[in-house]
């Protein structure tokens, strides 16, 4: 398996969020690489970025660097074009872990890879999702999975809805050719239970820092 990290330099809401210090002088990209090099060969890991200034990160970790066309980092570019063009720069024909550094609390790569080896013959992608059992209302303020009054359920009995982080997907090359997307035609849904924060704003960044510091210093237990 190869891994390609979506490590673009630009970010409109949190400038340089992939590369600025996040914890103990480590960036989010450093934190992701620290985890990946424990479960993958360094020569199979690729950092994709549109700016050569961050090639030093790849050199520091002994991994490969891909200078990405800036077009494929812009919000105006269709996601299908981004996926196909990022992945085509990764040599070989083996599966690709298509990942970003935006879920620093996810740790379960070893189990994720093990399960993929067991289900790959029946599935063309593995996608990390988070089951949520909360009291959600739809756009009409109607309960989702529970009811008001006599139809109230305790939270453990609410059927889950799922959040997808888009931070960790495994894709076959065939799926990339056919779908050009992070989810294949026949995905395997991998349930994750770690706390997660979608880092999209400065407030998200600060919350993620607090959570990461706590769980790291408590050995993620």
Protein backbone atom coordinates (compact mmCIF):
# COMPACT_ATOMS: atom_id res chain seq x y z
CA UNK A 1 0.00 0.00 0.00
CA UNK A 2 1.00 3.59 -0.66
CA UNK A 3 -0.13 6.66 1.29
CA UNK A 4 -0.62 10.14 -0.10
CA UNK A 5 -1.07 13.01 2.34
CA UNK A 6 -3.09 16.01 1.19
CA UNK A 7 -0.71 18.57 2.62
CA UNK A 8 -1.63 21.75 0.78
CA UNK A 9 0.06 24.93 2.00
CA UNK A 10 -2.85 27.31 1.59
CA UNK A 11 -5.86 27.54 3.90
CA UNK A 12 -8.31 30.42 3.99
CA UNK A 13 -9.59 30.13 7.58
CA UNK A 14 -6.58 28.74 9.43
CA UNK A 15 -3.47 29.88 7.52
CA UNK A 16 -0.82 27.15 7.03
CA UNK A 17 -2.81 24.82 9.29
CA UNK A 18 -1.04 21.73 7.92
CA UNK A 19 2.41 23.05 8.83
CA UNK A 20 2.28 25.50 11.73
CA UNK A 21 3.08 24.22 15.24
CA UNK A 22 0.17 22.33 16.80
CA UNK A 23 1.69 20.40 19.72
CA UNK A 24 5.24 20.63 21.11
CA UNK A 25 6.52 22.25 17.90
CA UNK A 26 4.99 19.43 15.83
CA UNK A 27 2.60 20.37 13.04
CA UNK A 28 -0.51 18.38 12.16
CA UNK A 29 1.45 16.90 9.26
CA UNK A 30 4.27 15.86 11.60
CA UNK A 31 1.74 14.20 13.90
CA UNK A 32 0.22 12.25 11.01
CA UNK A 33 3.64 11.18 9.74
CA UNK A 34 4.70 10.10 13.21
CA UNK A 35 1.81 7.63 13.12
CA UNK A 36 2.22 6.49 9.52
CA UNK A 37 5.93 5.65 9.72
CA UNK A 38 5.12 3.20 12.52
CA UNK A 39 2.86 1.12 10.26
CA UNK A 40 4.22 1.77 6.73
CA UNK A 41 7.54 1.87 4.94
CA UNK A 42 8.75 5.45 4.53
CA UNK A 43 9.37 4.96 0.81
CA UNK A 44 5.63 4.24 0.39
CA UNK A 45 4.51 7.56 1.88
CA UNK A 46 4.04 10.68 -0.27
CA UNK A 47 3.40 14.26 0.81
CA UNK A 48 1.48 16.23 -1.83
CA UNK A 49 1.85 20.01 -1.64
CA UNK A 50 1.73 22.89 -4.11
CA UNK A 51 4.68 24.79 -2.57
CA UNK A 52 8.30 23.61 -2.56
CA UNK A 53 8.90 25.47 0.70
CA UNK A 54 7.48 22.49 2.63
CA UNK A 55 9.60 19.82 0.95
CA UNK A 56 11.78 19.94 4.07
CA UNK A 57 8.98 18.17 5.97
CA UNK A 58 9.25 15.16 3.65
CA UNK A 59 13.03 15.22 3.91
CA UNK A 60 12.86 15.35 7.71
CA UNK A 61 10.70 12.22 7.82
CA UNK A 62 12.49 10.41 4.99
CA UNK A 63 9.39 10.19 2.79
CA UNK A 64 8.60 11.25 -0.78
CA UNK A 65 7.51 14.71 -1.88
CA UNK A 66 5.10 15.48 -4.72
CA UNK A 67 4.92 19.05 -6.01
CA UNK A 68 1.22 19.33 -6.81
CA UNK A 69 -0.24 21.63 -9.47
CA UNK A 70 -1.76 24.53 -7.53
CA UNK A 71 -5.00 24.06 -9.48
CA UNK A 72 -5.63 20.88 -7.49
CA UNK A 73 -5.57 22.69 -4.15
CA UNK A 74 -8.23 25.26 -4.99
CA UNK A 75 -11.82 25.10 -3.74
CA UNK A 76 -13.09 25.86 -7.25
CA UNK A 77 -11.61 22.61 -8.59
CA UNK A 78 -13.96 19.64 -8.70
CA UNK A 79 -13.18 17.01 -6.07
CA UNK A 80 -13.10 14.22 -8.67
CA UNK A 81 -10.35 16.05 -10.55
CA UNK A 82 -8.42 16.54 -7.31
CA UNK A 83 -8.60 12.86 -6.30
CA UNK A 84 -7.60 11.54 -9.71
CA UNK A 85 -4.73 13.99 -10.19
CA UNK A 86 -3.33 13.60 -6.68
CA UNK A 87 -3.41 9.80 -6.96
CA UNK A 88 -1.96 9.60 -10.47
CA UNK A 89 1.26 11.13 -9.12
CA UNK A 90 1.68 8.16 -6.76
CA UNK A 91 3.66 5.44 -8.58
CA UNK A 92 2.67 1.79 -8.74
CA UNK A 93 -0.64 0.00 -8.93
CA UNK A 94 -1.19 -0.85 -5.26
CA UNK A 95 -3.92 0.60 -3.06
CA UNK A 96 -3.69 4.16 -1.76
CA UNK A 97 -4.32 5.50 1.73
CA UNK A 98 -5.74 8.91 0.80
CA UNK A 99 -5.38 10.96 3.94
CA UNK A 100 -5.09 14.36 5.51
CA UNK A 101 -3.80 15.63 8.82
CA UNK A 102 -7.17 17.01 9.90
CA UNK A 103 -8.05 14.19 12.33
CA UNK A 104 -5.08 14.19 14.74
CA UNK A 105 -6.89 12.08 17.35
CA UNK A 106 -7.32 9.09 15.00
CA UNK A 107 -4.83 6.39 15.97
CA UNK A 108 -6.23 3.12 14.65
CA UNK A 109 -4.19 2.66 11.46
CA UNK A 110 -2.93 -0.79 12.33
CA UNK A 111 -6.46 -2.12 12.85
CA UNK A 112 -7.68 -0.25 9.79
CA UNK A 113 -5.03 -1.90 7.61
CA UNK A 114 -5.74 -5.33 9.11
CA UNK A 115 -9.43 -5.10 8.36
CA UNK A 116 -8.78 -3.82 4.85
CA UNK A 117 -6.67 -6.91 4.13
CA UNK A 118 -9.66 -9.04 5.18
CA UNK A 119 -12.38 -7.22 3.21
CA UNK A 120 -10.55 -5.99 0.12
CA UNK A 121 -11.84 -8.77 -2.15
CA UNK A 122 -15.42 -7.64 -1.56
CA UNK A 123 -14.90 -3.85 -1.31
CA UNK A 124 -13.17 -1.15 -3.34
CA UNK A 125 -12.72 1.43 -0.57
CA UNK A 126 -12.51 1.66 3.19
CA UNK A 127 -13.91 4.80 4.75
CA UNK A 128 -13.57 5.93 8.36
CA UNK A 129 -16.84 7.05 9.94
CA UNK A 130 -17.99 8.06 13.42
CA UNK A 131 -21.27 6.66 14.84
CA UNK A 132 -23.24 9.33 16.70
CA UNK A 133 -26.10 8.64 19.09
CA UNK A 134 -27.42 12.05 20.03
CA UNK A 135 -30.75 13.83 20.13
CA UNK A 136 -30.74 15.32 16.63
CA UNK A 137 -33.61 17.16 14.96
CA UNK A 138 -34.10 17.45 11.21
CA UNK A 139 -34.69 20.71 9.34
CA UNK A 140 -38.34 20.63 10.40
CA UNK A 141 -37.36 20.14 14.06
CA UNK A 142 -38.65 16.56 14.02
CA UNK A 143 -36.69 14.02 16.11
CA UNK A 144 -34.32 11.70 14.27
CA UNK A 145 -34.41 8.16 15.68
CA UNK A 146 -36.50 9.02 18.73
CA UNK A 147 -39.77 10.74 19.60
CA UNK A 148 -41.10 13.31 22.03
CA UNK A 149 -43.19 12.37 25.07
CA UNK A 150 -43.98 8.67 25.36
CA UNK A 151 -41.73 7.97 22.35
CA UNK A 152 -38.62 9.35 24.03
CA UNK A 153 -35.64 6.91 23.96
CA UNK A 154 -32.57 6.80 26.12
CA UNK A 155 -29.56 7.78 24.01
CA UNK A 156 -28.08 4.26 23.98
CA UNK A 157 -31.18 3.04 22.13
CA UNK A 158 -31.13 5.72 19.43
CA UNK A 159 -30.04 4.27 16.05
CA UNK A 160 -26.77 5.94 15.08
CA UNK A 161 -26.20 8.45 12.35
CA UNK A 162 -22.69 8.71 10.98
CA UNK A 163 -20.14 11.46 10.51
CA UNK A 164 -17.46 11.06 7.87
CA UNK A 165 -14.26 13.03 8.44
CA UNK A 166 -12.69 12.64 4.96
CA UNK A 167 -9.33 12.31 6.71
CA UNK A 168 -8.69 8.60 6.09
CA UNK A 169 -9.77 6.54 3.10
CA UNK A 170 -8.23 3.49 1.44
CA UNK A 171 -8.89 3.32 -2.30
CA UNK A 172 -8.09 0.74 -4.93
CA UNK A 173 -6.66 2.09 -8.17
CA UNK A 174 -9.68 0.66 -9.99
CA UNK A 175 -12.00 2.64 -7.72
CA UNK A 176 -10.01 5.82 -8.40
CA UNK A 177 -10.31 5.23 -12.16
CA UNK A 178 -14.04 4.47 -12.02
CA UNK A 179 -15.28 6.89 -9.37
CA UNK A 180 -12.55 9.47 -8.93
CA UNK A 181 -13.79 9.96 -5.41
CA UNK A 182 -13.00 9.14 -1.77
CA UNK A 183 -15.81 6.57 -1.60
CA UNK A 184 -15.93 3.62 -3.95
CA UNK A 185 -18.89 1.82 -5.48
CA UNK A 186 -18.80 -0.79 -2.72
CA UNK A 187 -17.27 0.81 0.38
CA UNK A 188 -16.44 -0.81 3.70
CA UNK A 189 -17.46 1.51 6.55
CA UNK A 190 -14.90 1.48 9.35
CA UNK A 191 -16.36 2.69 12.65
CA UNK A 192 -14.03 4.91 14.69
CA UNK A 193 -14.70 5.94 18.27
CA UNK A 194 -11.98 8.45 19.06
CA UNK A 195 -13.02 12.05 19.76
CA UNK A 196 -12.81 14.01 16.54
CA UNK A 197 -12.78 17.68 15.54
CA UNK A 198 -13.15 19.01 12.01
CA UNK A 199 -10.48 21.73 12.01
CA UNK A 200 -12.05 24.43 9.89
CA UNK A 201 -11.77 27.55 12.07
CA UNK A 202 -9.39 28.98 14.66
CA UNK A 203 -11.82 27.84 17.39
CA UNK A 204 -11.73 24.29 15.98
CA UNK A 205 -7.93 24.47 16.01
CA UNK A 206 -7.82 25.51 19.66
CA UNK A 207 -10.28 22.81 20.72
CA UNK A 208 -8.33 20.17 18.79
CA UNK A 209 -5.12 21.28 20.52
CA UNK A 210 -6.72 20.88 23.95
CA UNK A 211 -8.09 17.43 23.14
CA UNK A 212 -4.90 16.22 21.50
CA UNK A 213 -2.71 17.39 24.38
CA UNK A 214 -4.96 15.66 26.90
CA UNK A 215 -5.19 12.33 25.07
CA UNK A 216 -1.55 12.25 24.05
CA UNK A 217 -0.37 12.90 27.57
CA UNK A 218 -2.76 10.20 28.82
CA UNK A 219 -1.52 7.75 26.19
CA UNK A 220 -4.80 7.98 24.20
CA UNK A 221 -6.47 5.61 26.65
